[in-house]
Amino acid sequence: MKKQMLSRLFAVVCVAALAFGLTACGSDKRAVESAAKTFMTYCDDGDFASAQKMCSSSAASSLDIDRIDDTFEDRVYSAFSSEGIQKSDLSPSTQNAIDDLLKYVKKSVIKSYEINDDYDDDTKSLTVKVTMLSDFDSSAYNTAVSNLGNTYVRQHQSELMSTYASGGEKALMVKILDGIMPDAVKQAKTKMVDTATTQDYTWKLTFEKNSSGDWIVKRAQETKVK
């Protein structure tokens, strides 16, 4: 009888240990999948600053999300640098229009994503199918902006001549930019961003808990889907 009782007790302990193990595994799975969803939501919303806070520096670098905010702004304003025009030279409304475009581009970087049901408890990793912007065709946009500029110059000749006389070529260019930027931003959205080609990738995300007990992306590997 005693032997039977011990056998039963041993079986109960084994079942309990197995149940606990399964519960722990499930808990990590849910927590990691929740962290992955939060991370991907940040990326999908174009909030790469928040996404970067959920990454190690190496993971952010692997996915290039550590450079997106600065890269887009630098590219926009560098286009004006040949005329000696800085961000501070432009009117607040023009700067706001450019900021709106930058937000739109960042929001459009990831067109869609799907978190795959392939969680690996040993490595605390899973994969995500991500469709991202690939290449911009700026030809239609350049034509549209050229037309906007020509139209604005024709409609504001006397005003622009006065601006040139008092402030020179730089002041003239600033005046034109301030005049056409809201419409130029609309053209950029419809004729360049919305028509950009896309590329599918697989992101393998490996998670770990940080010192605060939050799950973050420790490593990231991006693979292009052919």
Protein backbone atom coordinates (compact mmCIF):
# COMPACT_ATOMS: atom_id res chain seq x y z
CA MET A 1 0.00 0.00 0.00
CA LYS A 2 2.79 2.39 0.94
CA LYS A 3 4.53 1.64 -2.34
CA GLN A 4 1.34 2.39 -4.29
CA MET A 5 0.88 5.67 -2.43
CA LEU A 6 4.44 6.72 -3.21
CA SER A 7 3.95 5.85 -6.87
CA ARG A 8 0.77 7.92 -7.01
CA LEU A 9 2.46 10.82 -5.23
CA PHE A 10 5.35 10.66 -7.66
CA ALA A 11 2.90 10.70 -10.60
CA VAL A 12 1.09 13.72 -9.17
CA VAL A 13 4.37 15.57 -8.70
CA CYS A 14 5.40 14.78 -12.28
CA VAL A 15 2.07 15.96 -13.68
CA ALA A 16 2.26 19.13 -11.60
CA ALA A 17 5.81 19.80 -12.76
CA LEU A 18 4.79 19.23 -16.37
CA ALA A 19 1.79 21.55 -15.99
CA PHE A 20 3.98 24.22 -14.42
CA GLY A 21 6.46 23.87 -17.25
CA LEU A 22 3.74 24.25 -19.85
CA THR A 23 2.31 27.25 -18.03
CA ALA A 24 5.70 28.94 -17.86
CA CYS A 25 6.30 28.28 -21.53
CA GLY A 26 2.89 29.64 -22.43
CA SER A 27 3.48 32.70 -20.28
CA ASP A 28 6.74 33.52 -22.09
CA LYS A 29 5.08 32.93 -25.44
CA ARG A 30 2.26 35.33 -24.71
CA ALA A 31 4.62 37.92 -23.26
CA VAL A 32 7.01 37.75 -26.20
CA GLU A 33 4.20 37.86 -28.74
CA SER A 34 2.74 40.87 -26.92
CA ALA A 35 6.11 42.62 -26.98
CA ALA A 36 6.49 41.79 -30.68
CA LYS A 37 3.05 43.26 -31.40
CA THR A 38 3.91 46.47 -29.50
CA PHE A 39 7.23 46.75 -31.30
CA MET A 40 5.69 46.19 -34.72
CA THR A 41 2.85 48.63 -33.97
CA TYR A 42 5.43 51.34 -33.27
CA CYS A 43 7.18 50.53 -36.55
CA ASP A 44 3.91 50.42 -38.48
CA ASP A 45 2.91 53.81 -37.05
CA GLY A 46 6.24 55.33 -38.06
CA ASP A 47 7.15 55.86 -34.40
CA PHE A 48 10.68 54.56 -34.80
CA ALA A 49 11.92 56.48 -31.77
CA SER A 50 9.66 54.36 -29.54
CA ALA A 51 10.52 51.20 -31.48
CA GLN A 52 14.20 51.88 -30.95
CA LYS A 53 13.66 52.04 -27.18
CA MET A 54 12.43 48.45 -27.37
CA CYS A 55 15.65 47.29 -29.05
CA SER A 56 19.24 46.71 -28.24
CA SER A 57 21.51 49.02 -30.26
CA SER A 58 22.61 46.12 -32.47
CA ALA A 59 19.01 45.08 -33.22
CA ALA A 60 18.03 48.66 -34.09
CA SER A 61 21.05 48.89 -36.38
CA SER A 62 20.24 45.57 -38.06
CA LEU A 63 16.78 46.86 -38.99
CA ASP A 64 18.03 50.40 -39.77
CA ILE A 65 15.43 51.90 -37.46
CA ASP A 66 18.14 53.83 -35.62
CA ARG A 67 18.71 56.09 -38.64
CA ILE A 68 15.26 56.62 -40.12
CA ASP A 69 14.28 59.79 -38.24
CA ASP A 70 17.50 61.65 -39.05
CA THR A 71 17.88 60.23 -42.56
CA PHE A 72 14.56 61.45 -43.93
CA GLU A 73 14.90 64.95 -42.50
CA ASP A 74 18.48 65.27 -43.71
CA ARG A 75 17.49 64.26 -47.24
CA VAL A 76 14.70 66.82 -47.41
CA TYR A 77 16.67 69.77 -46.17
CA SER A 78 19.85 68.83 -48.02
CA ALA A 79 17.91 69.45 -51.24
CA PHE A 80 17.83 73.15 -50.30
CA SER A 81 21.45 73.40 -49.20
CA SER A 82 22.76 74.16 -52.71
CA GLU A 83 20.88 77.47 -52.46
CA GLY A 84 22.26 78.09 -48.99
CA ILE A 85 18.82 77.63 -47.47
CA GLN A 86 18.58 76.24 -43.95
CA LYS A 87 15.55 74.97 -42.09
CA SER A 88 15.41 78.16 -40.03
CA ASP A 89 15.12 80.25 -43.21
CA LEU A 90 11.75 78.75 -44.06
CA SER A 91 8.43 79.93 -42.64
CA PRO A 92 6.78 77.96 -39.79
CA SER A 93 4.01 76.86 -42.17
CA THR A 94 6.57 75.47 -44.62
CA GLN A 95 8.42 73.67 -41.84
CA ASN A 96 5.10 72.22 -40.64
CA ALA A 97 4.30 71.03 -44.16
CA ILE A 98 7.69 69.32 -44.39
CA ASP A 99 7.21 67.75 -40.95
CA ASP A 100 3.84 66.45 -42.13
CA LEU A 101 5.51 64.87 -45.16
CA LEU A 102 8.21 63.30 -43.00
CA LYS A 103 5.57 61.77 -40.73
CA TYR A 104 3.67 60.49 -43.77
CA VAL A 105 6.80 58.88 -45.21
CA LYS A 106 7.71 57.24 -41.90
CA LYS A 107 4.14 56.00 -41.47
CA SER A 108 4.36 54.50 -44.98
CA VAL A 109 7.74 52.76 -44.57
CA ILE A 110 6.03 49.57 -43.41
CA LYS A 111 3.03 48.87 -45.61
CA SER A 112 1.93 45.77 -43.70
CA TYR A 113 3.19 43.10 -41.34
CA GLU A 114 2.15 39.70 -39.99
CA ILE A 115 3.58 38.08 -36.88
CA ASN A 116 4.09 34.41 -37.67
CA ASP A 117 2.98 31.65 -35.30
CA ASP A 118 6.47 30.17 -34.97
CA TYR A 119 7.55 31.18 -31.47
CA ASP A 120 10.64 29.28 -30.27
CA ASP A 121 10.75 29.08 -26.49
CA ASP A 122 14.38 27.96 -26.41
CA THR A 123 15.59 31.14 -28.09
CA LYS A 124 12.62 33.39 -27.21
CA SER A 125 12.31 34.27 -30.89
CA LEU A 126 9.71 34.52 -33.63
CA THR A 127 9.52 35.83 -37.18
CA VAL A 128 7.49 38.58 -38.78
CA LYS A 129 6.59 38.99 -42.44
CA VAL A 130 7.10 42.65 -43.28
CA THR A 131 6.23 44.51 -46.49
CA MET A 132 8.23 47.73 -46.78
CA LEU A 133 8.70 50.59 -49.20
CA SER A 134 11.52 49.85 -51.60
CA ASP A 135 12.13 52.46 -54.31
CA PHE A 136 10.72 55.90 -55.01
CA ASP A 137 10.15 57.03 -58.59
CA SER A 138 10.51 60.81 -58.33
CA SER A 139 10.02 61.65 -62.03
CA ALA A 140 6.27 62.38 -61.78
CA TYR A 141 6.82 64.33 -58.57
CA ASN A 142 9.64 66.41 -60.08
CA THR A 143 7.43 67.32 -63.03
CA ALA A 144 4.55 68.29 -60.74
CA VAL A 145 6.77 70.48 -58.53
CA SER A 146 8.31 72.14 -61.57
CA ASN A 147 4.82 73.00 -62.78
CA LEU A 148 3.88 74.32 -59.34
CA GLY A 149 6.96 76.55 -59.32
CA ASN A 150 6.36 77.90 -62.79
CA THR A 151 2.72 78.65 -62.00
CA TYR A 152 3.60 80.38 -58.75
CA VAL A 153 6.24 82.55 -60.45
CA ARG A 154 3.78 83.63 -63.16
CA GLN A 155 1.12 84.50 -60.61
CA HIS A 156 3.42 86.44 -58.26
CA GLN A 157 5.91 88.13 -60.59
CA SER A 158 5.83 91.61 -59.08
CA GLU A 159 6.00 90.30 -55.52
CA LEU A 160 8.92 88.02 -56.37
CA MET A 161 10.79 90.81 -58.16
CA SER A 162 10.48 92.96 -55.06
CA THR A 163 11.73 90.11 -52.88
CA TYR A 164 14.71 89.54 -55.17
CA ALA A 165 15.57 93.24 -55.19
CA SER A 166 15.60 93.45 -51.41
CA GLY A 167 17.00 90.07 -50.44
CA GLY A 168 18.70 88.50 -53.44
CA GLU A 169 18.45 85.02 -54.88
CA LYS A 170 18.25 83.20 -51.55
CA ALA A 171 15.29 85.31 -50.42
CA LEU A 172 13.63 84.66 -53.77
CA MET A 173 14.00 80.90 -53.44
CA VAL A 174 12.69 80.95 -49.87
CA LYS A 175 9.67 82.94 -51.03
CA ILE A 176 8.93 80.42 -53.78
CA LEU A 177 9.37 77.46 -51.44
CA ASP A 178 7.07 79.03 -48.86
CA GLY A 179 4.53 79.62 -51.61
CA ILE A 180 4.45 76.14 -53.13
CA MET A 181 5.34 73.83 -50.23
CA PRO A 182 1.81 72.86 -49.09
CA ASP A 183 0.91 71.77 -52.64
CA ALA A 184 4.35 70.22 -53.15
CA VAL A 185 3.80 68.04 -50.08
CA LYS A 186 0.48 66.83 -51.46
CA GLN A 187 2.18 65.95 -54.74
CA ALA A 188 4.97 64.13 -52.90
CA LYS A 189 2.44 61.97 -51.06
CA THR A 190 0.39 61.00 -54.10
CA LYS A 191 3.01 60.91 -56.84
CA MET A 192 6.02 59.55 -54.98
CA VAL A 193 5.24 57.90 -51.63
CA ASP A 194 1.93 56.26 -52.58
CA THR A 195 3.37 54.91 -55.84
CA ALA A 196 6.61 53.57 -54.39
CA THR A 197 7.46 49.92 -55.00
CA THR A 198 7.53 47.49 -52.08
CA GLN A 199 9.64 44.56 -50.96
CA ASP A 200 8.81 41.67 -48.64
CA TYR A 201 11.17 40.78 -45.80
CA THR A 202 11.29 38.30 -42.95
CA TRP A 203 12.38 39.74 -39.62
CA LYS A 204 13.60 37.22 -37.07
CA LEU A 205 13.30 38.87 -33.67
CA THR A 206 14.96 37.41 -30.58
CA PHE A 207 13.76 38.78 -27.25
CA GLU A 208 15.17 39.06 -23.75
CA LYS A 209 14.09 40.73 -20.53
CA ASN A 210 15.86 43.97 -19.66
CA SER A 211 16.79 45.11 -16.16
CA SER A 212 13.25 46.41 -15.65
CA GLY A 213 11.72 43.06 -16.54
CA ASP A 214 10.38 44.22 -19.91
CA TRP A 215 10.82 42.14 -23.05
CA ILE A 216 12.94 43.86 -25.71
CA VAL A 217 14.40 42.85 -29.07
CA LYS A 218 17.90 41.59 -28.31
CA ARG A 219 18.80 40.53 -31.85
CA ALA A 220 17.19 41.07 -35.23
CA GLN A 221 17.89 39.50 -38.58
CA GLU A 222 16.36 40.81 -41.80
CA THR A 223 16.07 38.53 -44.83
CA LYS A 224 14.74 39.63 -48.20
CA VAL A 225 11.98 37.43 -49.59
CA LYS A 226 12.71 36.70 -53.23
